[in-house]
Amino acid sequence: MRKQWTAPLVAVVMLLLAQPAFAQGADAASKGWIALAAGLAVGIAAIGAGLGQGRAVAAAMESIGRNPNAADRIQTPMIIGIAFMEALAIYALIIAFFLQGKV
């Protein structure tokens, strides 16, 4: 019964707390929220990329440890996957820079 009310309750709270956006100049409060959002975006993206890369490398090293002959077939896809994970973190950094430009 509790799970049925969680999503509607969160939606109502978000609607009540949302501030309407108008085409006016940014005040000091909105500048602070934009700066906070930019910092959180980079921080969460870095944590996510770090955890993902750690798990990928750990799985690859375990696979290579179990079958050393397959190291060349495991290493290349692992490096490509790590590059994609790092690209997502860099996208978050770019978005944070764009948000800072709006301040």
C-alpha atoms as a PDB file:
ATOM      1  CA  MET A   1       0.000   0.000   0.000  1.00  0.00           C
ATOM      2  CA  ARG A   2       2.884   2.331   0.796  1.00  0.00           C
ATOM      3  CA  LYS A   3       4.480   1.909  -2.640  1.00  0.00           C
ATOM      4  CA  GLN A   4       1.284   3.011  -4.354  1.00  0.00           C
ATOM      5  CA  TRP A   5       1.397   6.424  -2.689  1.00  0.00           C
ATOM      6  CA  THR A   6       5.108   7.110  -3.040  1.00  0.00           C
ATOM      7  CA  ALA A   7       5.191   8.274  -6.668  1.00  0.00           C
ATOM      8  CA  PRO A   8       2.057  10.485  -6.500  1.00  0.00           C
ATOM      9  CA  LEU A   9       3.262  12.021  -3.240  1.00  0.00           C
ATOM     10  CA  VAL A  10       6.662  12.839  -4.744  1.00  0.00           C
ATOM     11  CA  ALA A  11       4.958  14.329  -7.819  1.00  0.00           C
ATOM     12  CA  VAL A  12       2.719  16.552  -5.695  1.00  0.00           C
ATOM     13  CA  VAL A  13       5.649  17.753  -3.576  1.00  0.00           C
ATOM     14  CA  MET A  14       7.680  18.549  -6.702  1.00  0.00           C
ATOM     15  CA  LEU A  15       4.794  20.502  -8.206  1.00  0.00           C
ATOM     16  CA  LEU A  16       4.298  22.481  -5.010  1.00  0.00           C
ATOM     17  CA  LEU A  17       7.992  23.310  -4.687  1.00  0.00           C
ATOM     18  CA  ALA A  18       8.590  24.119  -8.355  1.00  0.00           C
ATOM     19  CA  GLN A  19       9.199  27.743  -9.163  1.00  0.00           C
ATOM     20  CA  PRO A  20       7.817  28.995 -12.458  1.00  0.00           C
ATOM     21  CA  ALA A  21      10.376  30.107 -15.015  1.00  0.00           C
ATOM     22  CA  PHE A  22       9.809  33.484 -16.610  1.00  0.00           C
ATOM     23  CA  ALA A  23      11.851  35.360 -19.203  1.00  0.00           C
ATOM     24  CA  GLN A  24      13.385  37.719 -16.692  1.00  0.00           C
ATOM     25  CA  GLY A  25      16.845  38.340 -15.399  1.00  0.00           C
ATOM     26  CA  ALA A  26      18.318  35.876 -12.938  1.00  0.00           C
ATOM     27  CA  ASP A  27      18.231  36.906  -9.329  1.00  0.00           C
ATOM     28  CA  ALA A  28      20.788  35.969  -6.701  1.00  0.00           C
ATOM     29  CA  ALA A  29      18.846  32.919  -5.500  1.00  0.00           C
ATOM     30  CA  SER A  30      18.621  31.327  -8.944  1.00  0.00           C
ATOM     31  CA  LYS A  31      22.332  31.904  -9.518  1.00  0.00           C
ATOM     32  CA  GLY A  32      23.089  29.947  -6.378  1.00  0.00           C
ATOM     33  CA  TRP A  33      20.858  27.065  -7.473  1.00  0.00           C
ATOM     34  CA  ILE A  34      22.512  26.955 -10.900  1.00  0.00           C
ATOM     35  CA  ALA A  35      25.952  26.824  -9.301  1.00  0.00           C
ATOM     36  CA  LEU A  36      24.793  24.057  -6.964  1.00  0.00           C
ATOM     37  CA  ALA A  37      23.315  22.094  -9.867  1.00  0.00           C
ATOM     38  CA  ALA A  38      26.531  22.408 -11.870  1.00  0.00           C
ATOM     39  CA  GLY A  39      28.628  21.185  -8.959  1.00  0.00           C
ATOM     40  CA  LEU A  40      26.295  18.271  -8.255  1.00  0.00           C
ATOM     41  CA  ALA A  41      26.242  17.302 -11.935  1.00  0.00           C
ATOM     42  CA  VAL A  42      30.008  17.022 -12.113  1.00  0.00           C
ATOM     43  CA  GLY A  43      30.271  15.276  -8.752  1.00  0.00           C
ATOM     44  CA  ILE A  44      27.609  12.665  -9.472  1.00  0.00           C
ATOM     45  CA  ALA A  45      28.999  12.035 -12.951  1.00  0.00           C
ATOM     46  CA  ALA A  46      32.513  11.576 -11.554  1.00  0.00           C
ATOM     47  CA  ILE A  47      31.273   9.153  -8.897  1.00  0.00           C
ATOM     48  CA  GLY A  48      29.257   7.183 -11.451  1.00  0.00           C
ATOM     49  CA  ALA A  49      32.105   7.026 -13.936  1.00  0.00           C
ATOM     50  CA  GLY A  50      34.567   6.006 -11.230  1.00  0.00           C
ATOM     51  CA  LEU A  51      32.345   3.216  -9.949  1.00  0.00           C
ATOM     52  CA  GLY A  52      31.610   1.974 -13.459  1.00  0.00           C
ATOM     53  CA  GLN A  53      35.242   1.990 -14.464  1.00  0.00           C
ATOM     54  CA  GLY A  54      36.253   0.219 -11.281  1.00  0.00           C
ATOM     55  CA  ARG A  55      33.732  -2.553 -11.822  1.00  0.00           C
ATOM     56  CA  ALA A  56      34.677  -2.921 -15.497  1.00  0.00           C
ATOM     57  CA  VAL A  57      38.395  -3.168 -14.770  1.00  0.00           C
ATOM     58  CA  ALA A  58      37.805  -5.560 -11.869  1.00  0.00           C
ATOM     59  CA  ALA A  59      35.724  -7.864 -14.062  1.00  0.00           C
ATOM     60  CA  ALA A  60      38.272  -7.708 -16.872  1.00  0.00           C
ATOM     61  CA  MET A  61      41.179  -8.455 -14.550  1.00  0.00           C
ATOM     62  CA  GLU A  62      39.299 -11.381 -13.038  1.00  0.00           C
ATOM     63  CA  SER A  63      38.562 -12.727 -16.513  1.00  0.00           C
ATOM     64  CA  ILE A  64      42.191 -12.355 -17.560  1.00  0.00           C
ATOM     65  CA  GLY A  65      43.262 -14.067 -14.332  1.00  0.00           C
ATOM     66  CA  ARG A  66      41.024 -17.020 -15.094  1.00  0.00           C
ATOM     67  CA  ASN A  67      42.047 -17.248 -18.742  1.00  0.00           C
ATOM     68  CA  PRO A  68      45.345 -15.456 -19.508  1.00  0.00           C
ATOM     69  CA  ASN A  69      45.225 -16.507 -23.155  1.00  0.00           C
ATOM     70  CA  ALA A  70      42.150 -14.304 -23.696  1.00  0.00           C
ATOM     71  CA  ALA A  71      43.829 -11.131 -22.434  1.00  0.00           C
ATOM     72  CA  ASP A  72      44.069  -9.531 -25.886  1.00  0.00           C
ATOM     73  CA  ARG A  73      40.371 -10.205 -26.574  1.00  0.00           C
ATOM     74  CA  ILE A  74      39.319  -8.754 -23.203  1.00  0.00           C
ATOM     75  CA  GLN A  75      41.593  -5.728 -22.981  1.00  0.00           C
ATOM     76  CA  THR A  76      40.451  -3.881 -26.116  1.00  0.00           C
ATOM     77  CA  PRO A  77      36.682  -3.917 -25.357  1.00  0.00           C
ATOM     78  CA  MET A  78      37.474  -2.955 -21.753  1.00  0.00           C
ATOM     79  CA  ILE A  79      39.440   0.112 -22.858  1.00  0.00           C
ATOM     80  CA  ILE A  80      36.668   1.122 -25.290  1.00  0.00           C
ATOM     81  CA  GLY A  81      34.080   0.768 -22.527  1.00  0.00           C
ATOM     82  CA  ILE A  82      36.166   2.843 -20.139  1.00  0.00           C
ATOM     83  CA  ALA A  83      36.492   5.545 -22.801  1.00  0.00           C
ATOM     84  CA  PHE A  84      32.698   5.650 -23.170  1.00  0.00           C
ATOM     85  CA  MET A  85      32.265   5.932 -19.395  1.00  0.00           C
ATOM     86  CA  GLU A  86      34.783   8.750 -19.243  1.00  0.00           C
ATOM     87  CA  ALA A  87      33.005  10.503 -22.125  1.00  0.00           C
ATOM     88  CA  LEU A  88      29.800  10.580 -20.067  1.00  0.00           C
ATOM     89  CA  ALA A  89      31.648  12.296 -17.224  1.00  0.00           C
ATOM     90  CA  ILE A  90      33.106  14.812 -19.668  1.00  0.00           C
ATOM     91  CA  TYR A  91      29.596  15.510 -21.043  1.00  0.00           C
ATOM     92  CA  ALA A  92      28.492  16.344 -17.496  1.00  0.00           C
ATOM     93  CA  LEU A  93      31.455  18.703 -17.156  1.00  0.00           C
ATOM     94  CA  ILE A  94      30.507  20.457 -20.405  1.00  0.00           C
ATOM     95  CA  ILE A  95      26.903  20.817 -19.238  1.00  0.00           C
ATOM     96  CA  ALA A  96      28.171  22.257 -15.952  1.00  0.00           C
ATOM     97  CA  PHE A  97      30.204  24.832 -17.902  1.00  0.00           C
ATOM     98  CA  PHE A  98      27.109  25.787 -19.896  1.00  0.00           C
ATOM     99  CA  LEU A  99      25.139  26.161 -16.664  1.00  0.00           C
ATOM    100  CA  GLN A 100      27.846  28.406 -15.238  1.00  0.00           C
ATOM    101  CA  GLY A 101      27.510  30.590 -18.326  1.00  0.00           C
ATOM    102  CA  LYS A 102      23.876  31.250 -17.415  1.00  0.00           C
ATOM    103  CA  VAL A 103      24.831  32.697 -14.048  1.00  0.00           C
END
